[in-house]
Amino acid sequence: MEQQQIISAFSALGQVLEDLITQNSSKLLSQTEFDQLKALIAKEQHYNGWFTPEQIYMALNEIRPWLRQEALTTWLAAYTFASAPKSIALILPSNLPLVGFHDFLCVLCSGHKALVKLSTDDARLLPALAQLLCEFEPALKERIQFAPAKLAGFHAVIATGSNNALLHFKGYFDQYPHLFRGHRSSIAILDGSETKAELESLGQDVLRYFGRGCRNVTQVLIPQDFDLNRIFEGLLPMAEVINHKKYGNNYDYNKAVHLLNLSPILDNNFILLKESEALFSPLAMLHYKRYQDQKEIEAYLVENQNEIQCIVGHAYLPFGAAQCPQLNDYADGIDTMQFLGNFA
């Protein structure tokens, strides 16, 4: 199978995603197929309360630019295509809709076979997209398998999960070539010159996907004299998150715990701000830390370097871009394609 066939199939899938987001039909699908895909997205929330249609369409919109033929061709030019495909086991997380799609894309575009172990919390979206891929390129049917139970017959493993899950991955799969990823989070570094629009974009970095992703900002480093009201004002356009039952339950729980413990917090009725050194904040909370100089920032980055996924700020990723990774923005800074190239 040629790499160009795979690129063409993913490019066709990208067109379908664009049609889903912007149109009421697609030239590449029958109206029945198109409507079935829309219906699948609409009812996914019944299986996983976090996966609202809005969140799923947001995820599709972030995947869509990856699947343009020119983007795929340019990205893959730097890597080796496997002449003898190996079976690569993928153990996917489910904190965000289709969060494992990039690993799935990498395995197939590197010329290997994907043996996918789905989480029960995200068990329908990827198989639906994989089915479309196989319609566009039937040869891919031999390269995509969703494991119903125990994984078997694989050459290497890519697994992503919590830090507790990471211990299980090491126990079960350490003897295989592997790429393991644990829990990470992201930070923002403010210098005080941020505009209102930039702070509103920071709100997207904090609360998009209800703050459940490793690329969501959970800690903000701010100058000593920074007015916290500016952060609250920037977050205001995201206030509707409190209307989501699961998010609202987390907000109520964390507020109650901190009030009972007499822990100082700031509250704007949909998110809690707490001064803390900790990188990770509970859901519906945002930590902040004041700094005096650049050396203090650098020390914090060094101390937490193995747990930071990305950094937002004037010298880093633009505000609002944390949840918009590019094709070569690899999780945990580990080049997935380079790892897969070891088995080419």
Protein backbone atom coordinates (compact mmCIF):
# COMPACT_ATOMS: atom_id res chain seq x y z
CA MET A 1 0.00 0.00 0.00
CA GLU A 2 1.37 3.41 -0.95
CA GLN A 3 1.51 6.34 1.45
CA GLN A 4 -0.29 8.51 -1.10
CA GLN A 5 -3.34 6.25 -0.87
CA ILE A 6 -3.45 6.83 2.89
CA ILE A 7 -2.99 10.58 2.48
CA SER A 8 -5.82 10.69 -0.05
CA ALA A 9 -8.16 8.78 2.29
CA PHE A 10 -7.44 11.11 5.21
CA SER A 11 -7.82 14.11 2.92
CA ALA A 12 -11.28 12.86 1.91
CA LEU A 13 -12.12 12.39 5.60
CA GLY A 14 -11.02 15.98 6.21
CA GLN A 15 -13.49 17.14 3.57
CA VAL A 16 -16.27 15.24 5.33
CA LEU A 17 -15.34 16.89 8.63
CA GLU A 18 -15.50 20.28 6.97
CA ASP A 19 -18.91 19.44 5.54
CA LEU A 20 -20.13 18.30 8.96
CA ILE A 21 -19.13 21.63 10.45
CA THR A 22 -20.28 23.93 7.65
CA GLN A 23 -22.83 22.10 5.46
CA ASN A 24 -26.02 20.04 5.59
CA SER A 25 -24.69 17.43 3.17
CA SER A 26 -21.48 16.10 1.66
CA LYS A 27 -20.57 15.18 -1.91
CA LEU A 28 -18.48 12.30 -0.55
CA LEU A 29 -21.29 10.66 1.43
CA SER A 30 -24.87 9.75 0.74
CA GLN A 31 -27.38 11.87 2.61
CA THR A 32 -28.23 8.84 4.75
CA GLU A 33 -24.58 8.35 5.76
CA PHE A 34 -24.20 12.05 6.45
CA ASP A 35 -27.33 12.18 8.59
CA GLN A 36 -26.26 9.07 10.51
CA LEU A 37 -22.95 10.73 11.35
CA LYS A 38 -24.78 13.84 12.54
CA ALA A 39 -27.08 11.67 14.66
CA LEU A 40 -24.12 9.85 16.20
CA ILE A 41 -22.62 13.18 17.27
CA ALA A 42 -25.97 14.39 18.62
CA LYS A 43 -26.50 11.37 20.89
CA GLU A 44 -22.92 10.87 22.10
CA GLN A 45 -23.70 12.92 25.19
CA HIS A 46 -26.03 10.13 26.34
CA TYR A 47 -22.99 7.83 26.65
CA ASN A 48 -20.55 10.41 28.00
CA GLY A 49 -22.02 13.52 29.58
CA TRP A 50 -18.87 15.55 28.88
CA PHE A 51 -19.12 14.99 25.11
CA THR A 52 -21.70 17.57 24.14
CA PRO A 53 -22.26 18.16 20.40
CA GLU A 54 -20.52 21.52 20.76
CA GLN A 55 -17.42 19.88 22.25
CA ILE A 56 -17.34 17.21 19.52
CA TYR A 57 -17.63 19.75 16.72
CA MET A 58 -14.87 21.72 18.40
CA ALA A 59 -12.64 18.64 18.31
CA LEU A 60 -13.50 17.97 14.65
CA ASN A 61 -12.67 21.56 13.82
CA GLU A 62 -9.23 21.18 15.39
CA ILE A 63 -8.56 17.93 13.52
CA ARG A 64 -9.77 19.29 10.18
CA PRO A 65 -6.62 21.34 9.30
CA TRP A 66 -4.42 18.28 9.83
CA LEU A 67 -6.21 16.41 7.04
CA ARG A 68 -5.52 18.74 4.15
CA GLN A 69 -3.50 16.94 1.50
CA GLU A 70 -0.77 19.56 1.37
CA ALA A 71 -0.40 19.61 5.16
CA LEU A 72 -0.15 15.82 5.35
CA THR A 73 2.35 15.62 2.49
CA THR A 74 4.61 18.30 4.00
CA TRP A 75 4.46 16.75 7.47
CA LEU A 76 5.21 13.20 6.30
CA ALA A 77 8.10 14.20 4.03
CA ALA A 78 10.42 14.21 7.05
CA TYR A 79 9.67 10.61 8.03
CA THR A 80 10.21 7.06 6.76
CA PHE A 81 7.23 5.08 5.47
CA ALA A 82 7.25 1.45 6.64
CA SER A 83 7.93 -1.12 3.94
CA ALA A 84 6.83 -3.98 6.20
CA PRO A 85 3.90 -2.85 8.38
CA LYS A 86 3.94 -3.74 12.06
CA SER A 87 0.89 -3.90 14.34
CA ILE A 88 0.99 -0.99 16.79
CA ALA A 89 -1.29 -1.20 19.81
CA LEU A 90 -2.95 2.09 20.72
CA ILE A 91 -4.43 2.49 24.21
CA LEU A 92 -6.42 5.70 23.98
CA PRO A 93 -7.65 8.06 26.70
CA SER A 94 -11.13 9.58 26.76
CA ASN A 95 -10.88 12.92 28.54
CA LEU A 96 -11.68 14.79 25.29
CA PRO A 97 -13.59 13.73 22.16
CA LEU A 98 -11.28 11.94 19.70
CA VAL A 99 -8.25 12.80 21.82
CA GLY A 100 -6.44 9.74 20.43
CA PHE A 101 -7.01 10.64 16.79
CA HIS A 102 -3.48 12.00 16.30
CA ASP A 103 -1.90 8.69 17.39
CA PHE A 104 -4.29 6.86 15.05
CA LEU A 105 -3.28 9.18 12.21
CA CYS A 106 0.43 8.74 12.96
CA VAL A 107 0.29 4.95 12.96
CA LEU A 108 -1.53 4.68 9.64
CA CYS A 109 0.44 7.45 7.90
CA SER A 110 3.72 5.83 8.97
CA GLY A 111 2.65 2.69 7.10
CA HIS A 112 1.80 0.54 10.10
CA LYS A 113 -1.35 -1.21 11.32
CA ALA A 114 -3.44 0.25 14.15
CA LEU A 115 -4.72 -2.13 16.84
CA VAL A 116 -6.90 0.21 18.86
CA LYS A 117 -8.06 -0.24 22.44
CA LEU A 118 -10.80 2.32 23.06
CA SER A 119 -12.04 3.63 26.37
CA THR A 120 -15.71 2.89 27.00
CA ASP A 121 -16.18 6.65 27.44
CA ASP A 122 -15.17 7.32 23.83
CA ALA A 123 -15.96 4.13 21.95
CA ARG A 124 -18.05 5.33 19.00
CA LEU A 125 -16.58 8.40 17.33
CA LEU A 126 -13.25 7.00 16.11
CA PRO A 127 -14.77 3.76 14.72
CA ALA A 128 -17.26 5.88 12.75
CA LEU A 129 -14.43 7.92 11.20
CA ALA A 130 -12.38 4.77 10.59
CA GLN A 131 -15.32 3.26 8.70
CA LEU A 132 -15.37 6.28 6.41
CA LEU A 133 -11.62 5.99 5.84
CA CYS A 134 -12.10 2.40 4.74
CA GLU A 135 -14.83 3.47 2.33
CA PHE A 136 -12.46 5.98 0.77
CA GLU A 137 -9.58 3.47 0.72
CA PRO A 138 -10.71 -0.19 1.13
CA ALA A 139 -7.11 -1.39 1.58
CA LEU A 140 -7.14 0.28 5.00
CA LYS A 141 -9.55 -2.40 6.26
CA GLU A 142 -6.52 -4.65 6.69
CA ARG A 143 -4.72 -1.98 8.71
CA ILE A 144 -7.35 -0.94 11.26
CA GLN A 145 -8.60 -3.18 14.04
CA PHE A 146 -10.50 -2.25 17.19
CA ALA A 147 -9.64 -4.67 19.99
CA PRO A 148 -12.79 -5.92 21.75
CA ALA A 149 -10.98 -7.22 24.82
CA LYS A 150 -7.38 -8.20 25.56
CA LEU A 151 -4.70 -6.86 23.23
CA ALA A 152 -2.67 -9.51 21.42
CA GLY A 153 -0.41 -9.89 18.41
CA PHE A 154 1.20 -6.44 18.44
CA HIS A 155 4.79 -5.29 17.94
CA ALA A 156 4.82 -2.01 19.92
CA VAL A 157 2.54 0.03 22.19
CA ILE A 158 1.52 3.68 22.42
CA ALA A 159 -0.47 4.25 25.61
CA THR A 160 -1.82 7.41 27.20
CA GLY A 161 -3.60 7.78 30.53
CA SER A 162 -3.44 9.02 34.10
CA ASN A 163 -0.32 8.56 36.20
CA ASN A 164 -2.02 5.58 37.86
CA ALA A 165 -2.72 4.09 34.43
CA LEU A 166 0.93 4.66 33.57
CA LEU A 167 1.95 2.25 36.34
CA HIS A 168 -0.33 -0.41 34.81
CA PHE A 169 1.10 0.25 31.33
CA LYS A 170 4.59 -0.34 32.66
CA GLY A 171 3.51 -3.52 34.41
CA TYR A 172 1.80 -5.03 31.37
CA PHE A 173 3.72 -3.67 28.39
CA ASP A 174 7.21 -2.71 29.55
CA GLN A 175 8.75 -5.65 27.67
CA TYR A 176 7.50 -4.27 24.32
CA PRO A 177 8.84 -1.23 22.48
CA HIS A 178 6.62 1.48 23.90
CA LEU A 179 5.70 5.13 24.13
CA PHE A 180 3.92 5.82 27.43
CA ARG A 181 2.35 9.14 28.38
CA GLY A 182 1.05 10.10 31.81
CA HIS A 183 -0.87 13.10 33.14
CA ARG A 184 0.30 16.59 32.20
CA SER A 185 -1.17 20.06 32.31
CA SER A 186 -0.44 23.51 30.90
CA ILE A 187 0.37 26.97 32.18
CA ALA A 188 0.08 30.61 31.15
CA ILE A 189 2.72 33.22 31.86
CA LEU A 190 1.43 36.80 32.00
CA ASP A 191 3.67 39.87 31.95
CA GLY A 192 0.97 42.45 32.71
CA SER A 193 0.75 43.93 29.20
CA GLU A 194 -1.97 41.54 28.00
CA THR A 195 -4.95 43.07 26.21
CA LYS A 196 -8.58 42.33 27.09
CA ALA A 197 -8.84 40.22 23.91
CA GLU A 198 -5.77 38.17 24.90
CA LEU A 199 -7.18 37.49 28.37
CA GLU A 200 -10.48 36.43 26.82
CA SER A 201 -8.49 34.03 24.63
CA LEU A 202 -6.80 32.78 27.80
CA GLY A 203 -10.30 31.92 28.98
CA GLN A 204 -10.51 29.51 26.04
CA ASP A 205 -7.22 27.95 27.08
CA VAL A 206 -8.55 27.44 30.59
CA LEU A 207 -12.13 26.32 30.00
CA ARG A 208 -12.44 24.85 26.52
CA TYR A 209 -13.51 21.20 26.89
CA PHE A 210 -14.48 22.18 30.46
CA GLY A 211 -10.78 22.27 31.38
CA ARG A 212 -10.33 18.49 31.09
CA GLY A 213 -7.43 18.34 28.63
CA CYS A 214 -3.68 18.19 29.21
CA ARG A 215 -3.41 21.33 27.06
CA ASN A 216 -5.84 23.24 29.29
CA VAL A 217 -4.20 25.92 31.43
CA THR A 218 -4.45 25.07 35.15
CA GLN A 219 -1.79 27.46 36.50
CA VAL A 220 -1.21 31.14 35.68
CA LEU A 221 2.02 32.90 36.61
CA ILE A 222 1.38 36.62 37.14
CA PRO A 223 3.49 39.65 38.16
CA GLN A 224 3.37 40.71 41.79
CA ASP A 225 1.11 43.70 41.13
CA PHE A 226 -1.24 42.03 38.62
CA ASP A 227 -4.95 42.74 39.19
CA LEU A 228 -6.79 39.41 39.40
CA ASN A 229 -10.02 41.06 38.32
CA ARG A 230 -8.50 41.21 34.83
CA ILE A 231 -8.37 37.40 34.74
CA PHE A 232 -11.98 37.14 35.93
CA GLU A 233 -13.04 39.62 33.24
CA GLY A 234 -11.22 37.57 30.60
CA LEU A 235 -12.96 34.40 31.75
CA LEU A 236 -16.47 35.91 31.65
CA PRO A 237 -17.25 34.91 28.03
CA MET A 238 -16.89 31.27 29.18
CA ALA A 239 -19.41 31.63 32.02
CA GLU A 240 -21.92 29.29 30.37
CA VAL A 241 -19.82 26.27 31.42
CA ILE A 242 -21.55 26.43 34.79
CA ASN A 243 -24.80 25.36 33.08
CA HIS A 244 -23.26 21.99 32.29
CA LYS A 245 -24.31 19.60 35.05
CA LYS A 246 -21.03 17.71 35.41
CA TYR A 247 -18.93 20.86 35.42
CA GLY A 248 -21.36 22.54 37.83
CA ASN A 249 -21.12 19.58 40.21
CA ASN A 250 -17.32 19.90 40.26
CA TYR A 251 -17.58 23.64 40.90
CA ASP A 252 -20.02 23.13 43.80
CA TYR A 253 -17.93 20.34 45.32
CA ASN A 254 -14.61 22.22 45.20
CA LYS A 255 -16.22 25.40 46.51
CA ALA A 256 -17.77 23.51 49.43
CA VAL A 257 -14.49 21.75 50.31
CA HIS A 258 -12.52 24.98 50.36
CA LEU A 259 -15.16 26.83 52.35
CA LEU A 260 -15.34 24.04 54.94
CA ASN A 261 -11.55 24.03 55.24
CA LEU A 262 -11.49 27.84 55.42
CA SER A 263 -9.10 27.83 52.46
CA PRO A 264 -8.87 31.25 50.76
CA ILE A 265 -10.36 31.27 47.26
CA LEU A 266 -11.76 33.83 44.85
CA ASP A 267 -15.10 33.06 43.23
CA ASN A 268 -16.96 34.51 40.24
CA ASN A 269 -19.83 31.95 40.32
CA PHE A 270 -18.42 29.66 37.62
CA ILE A 271 -14.73 29.17 38.41
CA LEU A 272 -12.61 29.37 41.56
CA LEU A 273 -9.21 31.07 41.69
CA LYS A 274 -6.69 29.92 44.28
CA GLU A 275 -3.17 31.06 44.97
CA SER A 276 -1.02 27.93 44.82
CA GLU A 277 2.37 26.65 43.68
CA ALA A 278 0.71 23.48 42.34
CA LEU A 279 0.64 23.03 38.57
CA PHE A 280 -2.49 20.87 38.61
CA SER A 281 -5.75 22.42 39.77
CA PRO A 282 -9.03 20.57 40.37
CA LEU A 283 -11.75 20.89 37.73
CA ALA A 284 -13.58 24.24 37.89
CA MET A 285 -10.56 25.81 39.59
CA LEU A 286 -7.60 27.81 38.34
CA HIS A 287 -4.38 28.23 40.28
CA TYR A 288 -2.31 31.38 40.15
CA LYS A 289 1.17 32.20 41.40
CA ARG A 290 2.76 35.62 41.66
CA TYR A 291 6.39 36.05 40.56
CA GLN A 292 8.97 38.76 41.15
CA ASP A 293 11.35 38.27 38.23
CA GLN A 294 12.25 36.10 35.24
CA LYS A 295 14.48 33.88 37.35
CA GLU A 296 11.47 32.83 39.42
CA ILE A 297 9.60 31.90 36.24
CA GLU A 298 12.55 29.89 34.95
CA ALA A 299 12.86 28.04 38.26
CA TYR A 300 9.17 27.11 38.15
CA LEU A 301 9.48 25.83 34.57
CA VAL A 302 12.50 23.70 35.46
CA GLU A 303 10.80 22.28 38.55
CA ASN A 304 7.70 21.27 36.57
CA GLN A 305 9.25 20.55 33.17
CA ASN A 306 8.19 16.89 33.14
CA GLU A 307 4.56 17.74 33.87
CA ILE A 308 3.98 20.77 31.62
CA GLN A 309 2.35 20.05 28.26
CA CYS A 310 2.43 23.55 26.80
CA ILE A 311 2.93 27.18 27.81
CA VAL A 312 0.78 30.13 26.76
CA GLY A 313 2.07 33.70 26.83
CA HIS A 314 3.75 36.45 24.84
CA ALA A 315 7.01 34.51 24.51
CA TYR A 316 5.26 31.17 24.01
CA LEU A 317 2.07 29.91 22.35
CA PRO A 318 -0.40 32.68 21.46
CA PHE A 319 -3.33 33.08 23.83
CA GLY A 320 -6.22 30.92 22.67
CA ALA A 321 -3.98 28.44 20.85
CA ALA A 322 -3.40 25.87 23.60
CA GLN A 323 -6.11 23.54 22.28
CA CYS A 324 -5.14 23.99 18.63
CA PRO A 325 -2.03 21.81 18.18
CA GLN A 326 -0.39 21.46 14.79
CA LEU A 327 0.45 18.13 13.18
CA ASN A 328 3.97 18.23 14.59
CA ASP A 329 2.93 19.29 18.12
CA TYR A 330 3.52 15.91 19.70
CA ALA A 331 2.14 15.09 23.15
CA ASP A 332 4.74 15.26 25.94
CA GLY A 333 7.23 16.58 23.37
CA ILE A 334 7.92 13.04 22.12
CA ASP A 335 7.95 12.68 18.33
CA THR A 336 5.43 9.89 17.70
CA MET A 337 6.43 9.55 14.05
CA GLN A 338 10.08 9.19 14.97
CA PHE A 339 9.15 6.43 17.42
CA LEU A 340 7.16 4.64 14.72
CA GLY A 341 10.06 5.07 12.29
CA ASN A 342 12.07 2.68 14.44
CA PHE A 343 9.94 -0.15 13.00
CA ALA A 344 9.97 0.94 9.35
